[in-house]
Amino acid sequence: MQVSGQYESPNSERDSAKGNKGKDVLQTSMIKMDRLPLEALPEALPDGIDVEKYVICTYYAGLPPFIDACEVAHFAAIEQTTGTWTLVPGETVEVRRRHVAKVIGVYEVPFYEYSTPKDIERREYILQVAFPWENFGQQIPMLLTTVIGNICLYGRIKCLDMRFPKSWLKGFKGPKFGIKGLRRLLNVKKRPLLNNMIKPCVYTEAKVGASLCYEAAVGGADIVKDDELLANPAFNTLEERIPLFMEAIDKADSEKGEKTLYTVNITDRIPQMFENAQRALELGANGLMINFLAVGYSAFRHVCEDPSIKVPVLAHMDVTGAMSYSPHVGIATNLVIGKLPRICGSDITVFPAPYGKAPILKERFHGMAKEMVMPLHHIEQTAPMPSGGISQGMVDEVIEALGSDIVIGAGGAIHAHPDGPAAGSRAFRQAIDAVMAGISIKKASQEHEELKRAIDSWGSGKTGFDL
């Protein structure tokens, strides 16, 4: 390990005064590190740690060529666990042994072996750091404070993955319903579920929304949700809206012979949101919805794990772009939308699909969905809900990408259907049924007027919209 007085930059002639200052701060944290026993150092072999005691995080880091990536990683490991930019008296060997994070991997990409290009401006790395989860416990706020807190201020550092041990996950209950529970609740065995978002997003009179809810439900929507932009404003309160919507749902269910969920948006300040949840249930709501990033993971988890809440909870993705969309900083979408809300208890998670209006790479789309459904110890699957400008002509592409254990989210393509919301929902169900039967949507549109009108309006939706 390099310590103060032993470091020599391979590009020393190019080191600026600013660069040298940054280097010196990193080296200061390494002073006397060679005097510590190996088990108290902020590094270890991947094979040499007890993986059940650590959350292992993987990062991208882009660094100037005069900065040593190992020193950056060691600095981060100490900064985020036992110490700071200089050694402090209380940071004893015993404290280090028990609480310091361990750098278990520093991998440069490309992986230069004998020289580096002369004019390289930045060297890029994948770093892996193991954090003792005893430090922060089985909760999300202190997890995030530890693994990305201060280090997100240091430039090009992005958290790409968090590997959670079984011992840590035991503190979480996960979804109460998930895909399997939703299927049982709605008595839908194989096909994708259809969700409708009420449009317009914000409207003044609750009875207007209730009428739109009825139309979407009677046409075949399995779930009707509030838009994320409408929660409990003074002009359209939960007290007024829920009874009208549930009356509309009951009417639609009696006519179509199927059950419909209404996920009401209870997003609010804390503790008002918890009160909203209880009041919504008292008013007859059979589903809840929360803009989970806007209120925070812990507030969202509190609602999901509340034993008195016996209805599905839908998680909406607002604020994701601010946390994830920079390629160089933040936290990757597979964590922000995929894994973290799942372990907190999301039954359905809305996430952007690359087929409509939402800007997202298909690789990230698949990565988020994978985190929602792949085996994760005792944590049940979350139902993935691709959304964002999805129309009837995109149904085959969505099912081909994710399979049938999904909820298809549609708003404008239902409410803007030329023949109204009921026809918009029927067109989606016709498209879903066709794909499940192995029939092309184009062929099915020749047999179903509602689907034909939708395809004539918006086409197949095969935009190839990748950023």
Protein backbone atom coordinates (compact mmCIF):
# COMPACT_ATOMS: atom_id res chain seq x y z
CA MET A 1 0.00 0.00 0.00
CA GLN A 2 1.28 3.49 -0.82
CA VAL A 3 1.76 5.85 2.10
CA SER A 4 2.81 9.48 2.42
CA GLY A 5 6.35 10.01 1.14
CA GLN A 6 6.31 6.91 -1.08
CA TYR A 7 3.98 8.04 -3.88
CA GLU A 8 5.37 9.10 -7.26
CA SER A 9 2.93 10.04 -9.97
CA PRO A 10 3.50 8.26 -13.31
CA ASN A 11 2.57 11.58 -14.95
CA SER A 12 4.22 13.94 -12.46
CA GLU A 13 5.17 16.47 -15.11
CA ARG A 14 1.47 16.93 -15.84
CA ASP A 15 0.33 17.29 -12.22
CA SER A 16 -1.23 20.69 -11.64
CA ALA A 17 -1.02 22.49 -8.30
CA LYS A 18 -4.66 21.65 -7.75
CA GLY A 19 -4.04 18.03 -8.63
CA ASN A 20 -1.13 17.75 -6.23
CA LYS A 21 -3.20 19.23 -3.43
CA GLY A 22 -5.93 16.66 -3.99
CA LYS A 23 -3.31 13.91 -4.05
CA ASP A 24 -1.79 15.11 -0.79
CA VAL A 25 -5.17 15.04 1.00
CA LEU A 26 -5.62 11.44 -0.04
CA GLN A 27 -2.11 10.53 1.07
CA THR A 28 -2.64 12.19 4.45
CA SER A 29 -5.37 9.66 5.20
CA MET A 30 -2.88 6.88 4.48
CA ILE A 31 -0.21 8.08 6.97
CA LYS A 32 0.96 5.27 9.25
CA MET A 33 -1.41 2.81 7.56
CA ASP A 34 1.52 0.44 7.08
CA ARG A 35 1.78 0.15 10.87
CA LEU A 36 -1.70 -1.32 11.27
CA PRO A 37 -2.33 -5.08 11.29
CA LEU A 38 -3.72 -6.34 8.01
CA GLU A 39 -7.21 -7.01 9.39
CA ALA A 40 -7.52 -3.34 10.42
CA LEU A 41 -6.70 -1.98 6.96
CA PRO A 42 -9.44 -0.63 4.68
CA GLU A 43 -8.90 -3.39 2.17
CA ALA A 44 -9.24 -7.14 1.86
CA LEU A 45 -9.38 -9.90 -0.68
CA PRO A 46 -12.92 -10.63 -1.87
CA ASP A 47 -12.38 -14.19 -0.67
CA GLY A 48 -11.17 -13.03 2.72
CA ILE A 49 -14.33 -11.45 4.12
CA ASP A 50 -17.44 -12.97 5.62
CA VAL A 51 -19.97 -11.92 2.99
CA GLU A 52 -22.87 -12.24 5.46
CA LYS A 53 -21.45 -9.33 7.44
CA TYR A 54 -21.09 -6.88 4.55
CA VAL A 55 -23.10 -5.03 1.94
CA ILE A 56 -20.87 -5.03 -1.14
CA CYS A 57 -21.16 -1.99 -3.40
CA THR A 58 -19.86 -1.64 -6.92
CA TYR A 59 -18.96 1.80 -8.28
CA TYR A 60 -17.87 3.48 -11.46
CA ALA A 61 -15.12 6.07 -10.91
CA GLY A 62 -13.50 8.41 -13.43
CA LEU A 63 -10.29 9.95 -12.13
CA PRO A 64 -7.53 12.28 -13.38
CA PRO A 65 -4.44 10.28 -14.36
CA PHE A 66 -2.32 11.63 -11.48
CA ILE A 67 -4.75 10.26 -8.83
CA ASP A 68 -4.15 6.76 -7.53
CA ALA A 69 -7.44 4.83 -7.65
CA CYS A 70 -6.48 2.56 -4.76
CA GLU A 71 -5.89 5.55 -2.52
CA VAL A 72 -9.24 7.04 -3.56
CA ALA A 73 -10.97 3.78 -2.72
CA HIS A 74 -9.21 3.50 0.66
CA PHE A 75 -10.03 7.12 1.43
CA ALA A 76 -13.70 6.52 0.61
CA ALA A 77 -13.80 3.34 2.71
CA ILE A 78 -12.48 5.20 5.75
CA GLU A 79 -14.47 8.40 5.15
CA GLN A 80 -17.71 6.44 5.01
CA THR A 81 -17.06 4.30 8.09
CA THR A 82 -14.49 5.01 10.81
CA GLY A 83 -12.61 8.20 10.01
CA THR A 84 -12.06 11.32 8.01
CA TRP A 85 -9.36 13.05 5.93
CA THR A 86 -6.79 12.64 8.71
CA LEU A 87 -6.19 10.04 11.40
CA VAL A 88 -8.06 10.73 14.63
CA PRO A 89 -7.13 9.37 18.09
CA GLY A 90 -10.33 7.37 18.56
CA GLU A 91 -9.79 5.42 15.36
CA THR A 92 -8.14 2.53 17.14
CA VAL A 93 -7.11 -0.82 15.76
CA GLU A 94 -10.14 -2.44 17.39
CA VAL A 95 -12.49 0.17 15.91
CA ARG A 96 -10.93 -0.41 12.51
CA ARG A 97 -11.14 -4.20 12.76
CA ARG A 98 -14.85 -4.10 13.47
CA HIS A 99 -16.16 -1.12 11.55
CA VAL A 100 -13.91 -0.06 8.66
CA ALA A 101 -15.09 -0.75 5.12
CA LYS A 102 -12.96 -3.00 2.95
CA VAL A 103 -11.88 -2.23 -0.60
CA ILE A 104 -12.08 -5.61 -2.27
CA GLY A 105 -11.61 -4.64 -5.91
CA VAL A 106 -10.05 -1.88 -8.03
CA TYR A 107 -10.32 -2.67 -11.74
CA GLU A 108 -9.27 -0.22 -14.42
CA VAL A 109 -11.08 -0.25 -17.76
CA PRO A 110 -9.16 -0.77 -20.02
CA PHE A 111 -6.92 -2.77 -17.71
CA TYR A 112 -3.48 -1.37 -18.54
CA GLU A 113 -0.60 -3.63 -17.51
CA TYR A 114 2.73 -2.08 -18.56
CA SER A 115 2.03 1.54 -19.59
CA THR A 116 -0.71 4.13 -20.04
CA PRO A 117 -1.32 6.37 -23.06
CA LYS A 118 0.67 9.61 -22.87
CA ASP A 119 -2.22 12.00 -23.46
CA ILE A 120 -4.93 10.25 -21.44
CA GLU A 121 -7.20 12.76 -19.68
CA ARG A 122 -9.05 10.39 -17.40
CA ARG A 123 -8.66 6.84 -16.16
CA GLU A 124 -11.83 4.87 -15.48
CA TYR A 125 -12.35 2.19 -12.87
CA ILE A 126 -14.78 -0.24 -11.35
CA LEU A 127 -14.40 -0.22 -7.56
CA GLN A 128 -15.86 -2.65 -5.06
CA VAL A 129 -16.17 -1.77 -1.39
CA ALA A 130 -17.62 -3.98 1.36
CA PHE A 131 -19.37 -2.10 4.17
CA PRO A 132 -20.05 -3.82 7.53
CA TRP A 133 -23.83 -3.66 7.75
CA GLU A 134 -23.58 -3.64 11.53
CA ASN A 135 -22.65 0.03 11.09
CA PHE A 136 -26.03 1.05 9.68
CA GLY A 137 -28.46 -1.74 10.50
CA GLN A 138 -31.34 -3.14 8.47
CA GLN A 139 -32.67 0.13 7.09
CA ILE A 140 -32.31 2.25 3.96
CA PRO A 141 -31.52 5.83 5.12
CA MET A 142 -28.27 4.95 6.89
CA LEU A 143 -27.41 2.42 4.17
CA LEU A 144 -27.51 5.22 1.58
CA THR A 145 -25.73 7.62 3.93
CA THR A 146 -22.93 5.08 4.25
CA VAL A 147 -22.49 3.77 0.74
CA ILE A 148 -22.99 6.96 -1.30
CA GLY A 149 -23.31 9.82 1.25
CA ASN A 150 -20.25 12.08 1.18
CA ILE A 151 -18.47 10.32 -1.65
CA CYS A 152 -21.12 11.41 -4.15
CA LEU A 153 -19.64 14.90 -3.74
CA TYR A 154 -16.24 13.85 -5.07
CA GLY A 155 -16.91 13.93 -8.80
CA ARG A 156 -17.35 11.02 -11.16
CA ILE A 157 -18.51 8.30 -8.80
CA LYS A 158 -21.70 6.33 -9.44
CA CYS A 159 -23.05 3.41 -7.42
CA LEU A 160 -23.90 0.63 -9.86
CA ASP A 161 -24.90 -2.21 -7.56
CA MET A 162 -25.44 -3.21 -3.95
CA ARG A 163 -25.11 -6.86 -3.03
CA PHE A 164 -27.18 -7.58 0.06
CA PRO A 165 -26.45 -10.63 2.23
CA LYS A 166 -29.24 -12.89 3.41
CA SER A 167 -28.55 -11.81 7.00
CA TRP A 168 -29.31 -8.17 6.16
CA LEU A 169 -32.36 -8.91 4.03
CA LYS A 170 -33.95 -10.80 6.92
CA GLY A 171 -34.81 -7.41 8.38
CA PHE A 172 -37.17 -6.69 5.45
CA LYS A 173 -40.55 -8.23 4.68
CA GLY A 174 -40.79 -7.42 0.98
CA PRO A 175 -44.05 -7.36 -1.00
CA LYS A 176 -47.22 -8.65 0.66
CA PHE A 177 -48.78 -9.45 -2.71
CA GLY A 178 -46.34 -9.12 -5.59
CA ILE A 179 -47.11 -10.80 -8.90
CA LYS A 180 -48.56 -13.99 -7.46
CA GLY A 181 -50.72 -12.20 -4.92
CA LEU A 182 -52.10 -9.80 -7.50
CA ARG A 183 -53.04 -12.69 -9.75
CA ARG A 184 -54.88 -14.40 -6.91
CA LEU A 185 -56.60 -11.18 -5.89
CA LEU A 186 -57.77 -10.38 -9.41
CA ASN A 187 -58.25 -14.01 -10.52
CA VAL A 188 -56.07 -13.50 -13.59
CA LYS A 189 -53.92 -16.56 -14.17
CA LYS A 190 -51.58 -15.95 -17.10
CA ARG A 191 -52.00 -12.78 -19.12
CA PRO A 192 -50.37 -9.43 -18.28
CA LEU A 193 -52.47 -7.14 -16.12
CA LEU A 194 -53.63 -3.80 -17.49
CA ASN A 195 -53.30 -0.60 -15.48
CA ASN A 196 -54.83 2.74 -16.42
CA MET A 197 -53.65 6.13 -15.19
CA ILE A 198 -56.42 8.70 -15.08
CA LYS A 199 -55.86 11.48 -17.60
CA PRO A 200 -55.94 14.44 -17.37
CA CYS A 201 -53.37 14.13 -14.60
CA VAL A 202 -54.93 16.88 -12.50
CA TYR A 203 -58.64 17.71 -12.69
CA THR A 204 -60.88 19.74 -10.43
CA GLU A 205 -63.96 17.61 -9.84
CA ALA A 206 -63.71 14.12 -8.36
CA LYS A 207 -66.85 13.04 -10.21
CA VAL A 208 -65.02 13.66 -13.52
CA GLY A 209 -62.26 11.27 -12.51
CA ALA A 210 -64.78 8.72 -11.25
CA SER A 211 -66.52 8.75 -14.63
CA LEU A 212 -63.21 8.17 -16.41
CA CYS A 213 -62.37 5.42 -13.91
CA TYR A 214 -65.63 3.63 -14.68
CA GLU A 215 -65.01 3.80 -18.42
CA ALA A 216 -61.47 2.45 -18.17
CA ALA A 217 -62.47 -0.30 -15.75
CA VAL A 218 -65.55 -1.50 -17.61
CA GLY A 219 -63.46 -1.69 -20.79
CA GLY A 220 -61.07 -4.14 -19.14
CA ALA A 221 -58.49 -2.34 -17.00
CA ASP A 222 -57.53 -4.52 -14.04
CA ILE A 223 -56.10 -1.59 -12.08
CA VAL A 224 -56.95 2.10 -12.20
CA LYS A 225 -54.52 4.45 -10.51
CA ASP A 226 -54.42 8.13 -9.72
CA ASP A 227 -51.84 10.02 -11.68
CA GLU A 228 -48.74 10.76 -9.64
CA LEU A 229 -49.50 14.48 -9.87
CA LEU A 230 -52.80 14.21 -8.00
CA ALA A 231 -52.86 13.17 -4.34
CA ASN A 232 -54.96 15.03 -1.78
CA PRO A 233 -55.36 18.66 -2.91
CA ALA A 234 -58.06 20.85 -1.41
CA PHE A 235 -60.02 20.86 -4.69
CA ASN A 236 -60.08 17.06 -5.06
CA THR A 237 -59.65 15.38 -1.69
CA LEU A 238 -59.33 11.71 -0.82
CA GLU A 239 -62.51 12.05 1.23
CA GLU A 240 -64.41 13.08 -1.86
CA ARG A 241 -62.63 11.00 -4.47
CA ILE A 242 -62.39 7.52 -2.97
CA PRO A 243 -66.13 6.86 -2.41
CA LEU A 244 -66.94 8.04 -5.94
CA PHE A 245 -64.16 5.94 -7.48
CA MET A 246 -65.07 2.81 -5.53
CA GLU A 247 -68.70 3.23 -6.55
CA ALA A 248 -67.53 3.45 -10.17
CA ILE A 249 -65.32 0.37 -9.68
CA ASP A 250 -68.16 -1.65 -8.17
CA LYS A 251 -70.44 -0.73 -11.08
CA ALA A 252 -67.81 -1.66 -13.66
CA ASP A 253 -67.01 -4.96 -11.92
CA SER A 254 -70.65 -6.00 -11.84
CA GLU A 255 -70.94 -5.35 -15.57
CA LYS A 256 -67.70 -6.93 -16.78
CA GLY A 257 -67.58 -9.82 -14.31
CA GLU A 258 -64.01 -9.04 -13.24
CA LYS A 259 -62.41 -7.35 -10.27
CA THR A 260 -60.67 -3.98 -10.46
CA LEU A 261 -58.23 -2.34 -8.07
CA TYR A 262 -58.11 1.40 -7.52
CA THR A 263 -54.71 2.50 -6.22
CA VAL A 264 -55.28 5.89 -4.61
CA ASN A 265 -52.37 8.31 -4.33
CA ILE A 266 -51.74 8.95 -0.62
CA THR A 267 -48.39 10.77 -1.09
CA ASP A 268 -48.04 13.53 1.49
CA ARG A 269 -45.83 14.90 4.24
CA ILE A 270 -45.05 12.66 7.21
CA PRO A 271 -47.00 11.63 9.28
CA GLN A 272 -49.96 12.83 7.18
CA MET A 273 -49.26 10.15 4.60
CA PHE A 274 -49.72 7.43 7.23
CA GLU A 275 -53.02 9.02 8.21
CA ASN A 276 -54.00 9.16 4.54
CA ALA A 277 -53.36 5.43 4.27
CA GLN A 278 -55.64 4.56 7.16
CA ARG A 279 -58.35 6.97 6.04
CA ALA A 280 -58.21 5.60 2.49
CA LEU A 281 -58.85 2.09 3.80
CA GLU A 282 -61.72 3.34 5.96
CA LEU A 283 -63.25 4.93 2.85
CA GLY A 284 -63.06 1.59 1.00
CA ALA A 285 -59.90 1.87 -1.09
CA ASN A 286 -58.62 -1.51 -2.26
CA GLY A 287 -55.14 -0.30 -3.26
CA LEU A 288 -52.66 2.43 -2.37
CA MET A 289 -50.08 4.36 -4.36
CA ILE A 290 -47.04 6.34 -3.20
CA ASN A 291 -44.47 8.48 -5.00
CA PHE A 292 -41.83 6.59 -3.05
CA LEU A 293 -38.73 8.63 -3.85
CA ALA A 294 -40.48 11.90 -3.06
CA VAL A 295 -41.39 10.70 0.45
CA GLY A 296 -38.33 8.49 1.01
CA TYR A 297 -37.74 4.76 1.17
CA SER A 298 -38.39 4.48 4.90
CA ALA A 299 -41.75 6.23 4.77
CA PHE A 300 -42.72 4.01 1.85
CA ARG A 301 -41.53 0.91 3.71
CA HIS A 302 -43.53 1.92 6.79
CA VAL A 303 -46.76 1.81 4.80
CA CYS A 304 -45.90 -1.43 2.99
CA GLU A 305 -44.99 -3.27 6.20
CA ASP A 306 -47.89 -1.95 8.28
CA PRO A 307 -49.84 -5.12 9.20
CA SER A 308 -53.13 -3.20 9.18
CA ILE A 309 -52.70 -2.41 5.47
CA LYS A 310 -53.96 -5.46 3.66
CA VAL A 311 -54.15 -4.05 0.13
CA PRO A 312 -51.52 -3.83 -2.62
CA VAL A 313 -49.17 -0.84 -2.64
CA LEU A 314 -47.97 0.66 -5.92
CA ALA A 315 -44.66 2.56 -6.11
CA HIS A 316 -44.31 5.43 -8.58
CA MET A 317 -40.94 6.40 -10.01
CA ASP A 318 -40.92 10.22 -9.68
CA VAL A 319 -37.52 11.85 -9.01
CA THR A 320 -35.61 8.90 -10.50
CA GLY A 321 -33.98 11.01 -13.18
CA ALA A 322 -32.50 13.36 -10.60
CA MET A 323 -30.92 10.43 -8.76
CA SER A 324 -29.89 8.19 -11.64
CA TYR A 325 -29.79 9.70 -15.10
CA SER A 326 -26.30 11.19 -14.98
CA PRO A 327 -23.97 8.57 -16.46
CA HIS A 328 -21.18 9.50 -14.05
CA VAL A 329 -22.76 10.23 -10.65
CA GLY A 330 -25.65 9.11 -8.45
CA ILE A 331 -27.20 5.67 -8.03
CA ALA A 332 -28.12 3.40 -10.92
CA THR A 333 -31.78 2.85 -11.84
CA ASN A 334 -31.60 -0.91 -11.21
CA LEU A 335 -31.17 -0.01 -7.53
CA VAL A 336 -33.30 3.13 -7.26
CA ILE A 337 -36.35 1.67 -9.03
CA GLY A 338 -35.64 -2.05 -9.05
CA LYS A 339 -34.11 -3.57 -5.92
CA LEU A 340 -34.67 -0.98 -3.17
CA PRO A 341 -38.47 -0.47 -3.49
CA ARG A 342 -38.85 -4.23 -3.84
CA ILE A 343 -37.20 -4.99 -0.51
CA CYS A 344 -39.22 -2.16 1.06
CA GLY A 345 -42.41 -3.94 0.02
CA SER A 346 -43.60 -2.61 -3.34
CA ASP A 347 -46.22 -4.86 -4.91
CA ILE A 348 -46.15 -2.96 -8.22
CA THR A 349 -43.39 -0.62 -9.34
CA VAL A 350 -43.83 1.83 -12.21
CA PHE A 351 -40.71 2.25 -14.33
CA PRO A 352 -39.93 3.84 -17.72
CA ALA A 353 -40.29 1.78 -20.88
CA PRO A 354 -38.17 2.59 -23.95
CA TYR A 355 -41.08 2.12 -26.36
CA GLY A 356 -43.00 5.32 -25.81
CA LYS A 357 -42.19 8.77 -24.41
CA ALA A 358 -39.81 7.73 -21.63
CA PRO A 359 -36.08 8.19 -22.36
CA ILE A 360 -34.33 5.03 -21.15
CA LEU A 361 -31.90 2.54 -22.65
CA LYS A 362 -33.30 -0.92 -23.22
CA GLU A 363 -30.43 -2.39 -21.18
CA ARG A 364 -31.45 -0.29 -18.16
CA PHE A 365 -35.10 -1.19 -18.73
CA HIS A 366 -34.24 -4.87 -18.57
CA GLY A 367 -31.95 -4.31 -15.60
CA MET A 368 -34.70 -2.68 -13.54
CA ALA A 369 -37.18 -5.43 -14.36
CA LYS A 370 -34.63 -8.12 -13.47
CA GLU A 371 -34.14 -6.63 -9.99
CA MET A 372 -37.91 -6.82 -9.45
CA VAL A 373 -38.40 -10.47 -10.35
CA MET A 374 -35.21 -12.52 -10.00
CA PRO A 375 -34.92 -14.71 -6.87
CA LEU A 376 -33.85 -12.66 -3.83
CA HIS A 377 -33.84 -14.96 -0.80
CA HIS A 378 -37.23 -14.64 0.98
CA ILE A 379 -38.25 -11.41 -0.77
CA GLU A 380 -41.22 -11.92 -3.11
CA GLN A 381 -41.30 -10.59 -6.65
CA THR A 382 -42.53 -7.10 -7.39
CA ALA A 383 -44.81 -6.77 -10.40
CA PRO A 384 -42.95 -4.67 -13.00
CA MET A 385 -45.14 -1.96 -14.54
CA PRO A 386 -43.54 -0.53 -17.70
CA SER A 387 -45.04 2.84 -18.43
CA GLY A 388 -44.62 6.13 -20.26
CA GLY A 389 -46.49 6.59 -23.52
CA ILE A 390 -47.29 2.92 -24.12
CA SER A 391 -49.97 2.37 -26.75
CA GLN A 392 -51.82 -0.74 -27.90
CA GLY A 393 -49.42 -1.36 -30.76
CA MET A 394 -46.51 -1.78 -28.32
CA VAL A 395 -48.05 -4.65 -26.35
CA ASP A 396 -46.25 -7.38 -28.29
CA GLU A 397 -42.88 -5.66 -27.82
CA VAL A 398 -43.39 -5.23 -24.09
CA ILE A 399 -44.46 -8.85 -23.56
CA GLU A 400 -41.61 -10.11 -25.72
CA ALA A 401 -39.17 -8.12 -23.60
CA LEU A 402 -40.48 -8.96 -20.11
CA GLY A 403 -42.86 -11.91 -20.40
CA SER A 404 -46.43 -12.00 -19.18
CA ASP A 405 -45.87 -11.50 -15.43
CA ILE A 406 -46.15 -7.74 -15.72
CA VAL A 407 -48.59 -4.88 -15.40
CA ILE A 408 -48.84 -2.77 -18.55
CA GLY A 409 -49.29 0.89 -17.69
CA ALA A 410 -51.32 3.02 -20.09
CA GLY A 411 -52.78 6.49 -19.79
CA GLY A 412 -53.21 8.57 -22.92
CA ALA A 413 -53.74 5.57 -25.23
CA ILE A 414 -56.83 4.68 -23.20
CA HIS A 415 -58.30 8.10 -22.52
CA ALA A 416 -57.49 9.55 -25.96
CA HIS A 417 -58.92 6.60 -27.90
CA PRO A 418 -61.17 7.96 -30.65
CA ASP A 419 -64.14 6.08 -29.19
CA GLY A 420 -63.46 6.85 -25.53
CA PRO A 421 -61.71 5.25 -22.54
CA ALA A 422 -63.78 2.05 -22.51
CA ALA A 423 -62.80 1.40 -26.12
CA GLY A 424 -59.21 2.25 -25.26
CA SER A 425 -59.13 -0.40 -22.55
CA ARG A 426 -60.85 -2.94 -24.78
CA ALA A 427 -58.25 -2.31 -27.47
CA PHE A 428 -55.47 -3.06 -24.97
CA ARG A 429 -57.17 -6.26 -23.86
CA GLN A 430 -57.62 -7.29 -27.50
CA ALA A 431 -53.93 -6.70 -28.12
CA ILE A 432 -52.95 -8.62 -24.95
CA ASP A 433 -55.20 -11.55 -25.81
CA ALA A 434 -53.84 -11.67 -29.36
CA VAL A 435 -50.21 -11.76 -28.22
CA MET A 436 -50.97 -14.44 -25.63
CA ALA A 437 -52.64 -16.51 -28.37
CA GLY A 438 -49.67 -16.08 -30.73
CA ILE A 439 -51.59 -13.81 -33.10
CA SER A 440 -50.04 -10.64 -34.44
CA ILE A 441 -51.55 -7.35 -33.30
CA LYS A 442 -51.88 -6.32 -36.94
CA LYS A 443 -53.99 -9.38 -37.70
CA ALA A 444 -56.04 -8.95 -34.52
CA SER A 445 -56.76 -5.34 -35.49
CA GLN A 446 -58.50 -6.60 -38.60
CA GLU A 447 -60.99 -8.43 -36.37
CA HIS A 448 -61.47 -5.84 -33.60
CA GLU A 449 -62.64 -2.32 -34.37
CA GLU A 450 -61.35 -0.82 -31.11
CA LEU A 451 -57.86 -2.18 -31.70
CA LYS A 452 -57.92 -1.09 -35.34
CA ARG A 453 -58.83 2.46 -34.35
CA ALA A 454 -55.97 2.51 -31.85
CA ILE A 455 -53.45 1.25 -34.40
CA ASP A 456 -54.72 3.77 -36.95
CA SER A 457 -54.20 6.51 -34.36
CA TRP A 458 -50.77 5.60 -32.96
CA GLY A 459 -49.34 2.86 -35.15
CA SER A 460 -47.32 -0.11 -33.93
CA GLY A 461 -45.23 1.95 -31.55
CA LYS A 462 -42.01 0.33 -32.69
CA THR A 463 -40.01 3.52 -32.36
CA GLY A 464 -36.58 2.10 -31.60
CA PHE A 465 -36.25 5.04 -29.21
CA ASP A 466 -32.92 4.43 -27.50
CA LEU A 467 -30.77 7.21 -26.06
